[in-house]
Amino acid sequence: MNRMSIYALALGVFLTATSELVVSGILNVIADNLNISLALAGN
């Protein structure tokens, strides 16, 4: 593997992890907008 492949892989992992964690940060807003409980929005 060359150095560019490693950088591309690291960037892909970073973006995937970030997109997964963004939802937990705005879960209250999602639950409020959908008029459902926080537990139901988390599921």
Protein backbone atom coordinates (compact mmCIF):
# COMPACT_ATOMS: atom_id res chain seq x y z
CA MET A 1 0.00 0.00 0.00
CA ASN A 2 1.30 3.39 -0.81
CA ARG A 3 0.99 6.44 1.39
CA MET A 4 -1.98 7.91 -0.50
CA SER A 5 -4.02 4.75 0.07
CA ILE A 6 -3.43 4.99 3.82
CA TYR A 7 -4.52 8.64 3.85
CA ALA A 8 -7.66 7.85 1.84
CA LEU A 9 -8.53 4.97 4.16
CA ALA A 10 -7.98 7.12 7.26
CA LEU A 11 -10.17 9.87 5.83
CA GLY A 12 -12.92 7.38 5.02
CA VAL A 13 -12.85 5.96 8.55
CA PHE A 14 -12.92 9.45 10.04
CA LEU A 15 -15.90 10.54 7.94
CA THR A 16 -17.82 7.35 8.69
CA ALA A 17 -17.27 7.65 12.45
CA THR A 18 -18.16 11.34 12.42
CA SER A 19 -21.41 10.78 10.54
CA GLU A 20 -22.42 8.09 13.03
CA LEU A 21 -21.72 10.30 16.05
CA VAL A 22 -23.53 13.38 14.69
CA VAL A 23 -26.90 11.65 15.07
CA SER A 24 -26.40 11.10 18.81
CA GLY A 25 -25.69 14.80 19.24
CA ILE A 26 -28.95 15.90 17.62
CA LEU A 27 -31.17 13.07 18.83
CA ASN A 28 -33.20 15.42 21.05
CA VAL A 29 -33.97 17.64 18.07
CA ILE A 30 -35.00 14.67 15.95
CA ALA A 31 -37.31 13.37 18.70
CA ASP A 32 -38.88 16.81 19.17
CA ASN A 33 -39.45 17.32 15.45
CA LEU A 34 -41.06 13.91 15.05
CA ASN A 35 -43.09 14.28 18.26
CA ILE A 36 -41.82 10.96 19.62
CA SER A 37 -40.00 10.00 22.79
CA LEU A 38 -36.24 10.13 23.01
CA ALA A 39 -36.08 6.35 23.54
CA LEU A 40 -38.11 5.71 20.40
CA ALA A 41 -35.94 8.08 18.37
CA GLY A 42 -32.86 6.26 19.64
CA ASN A 43 -34.18 2.95 18.41
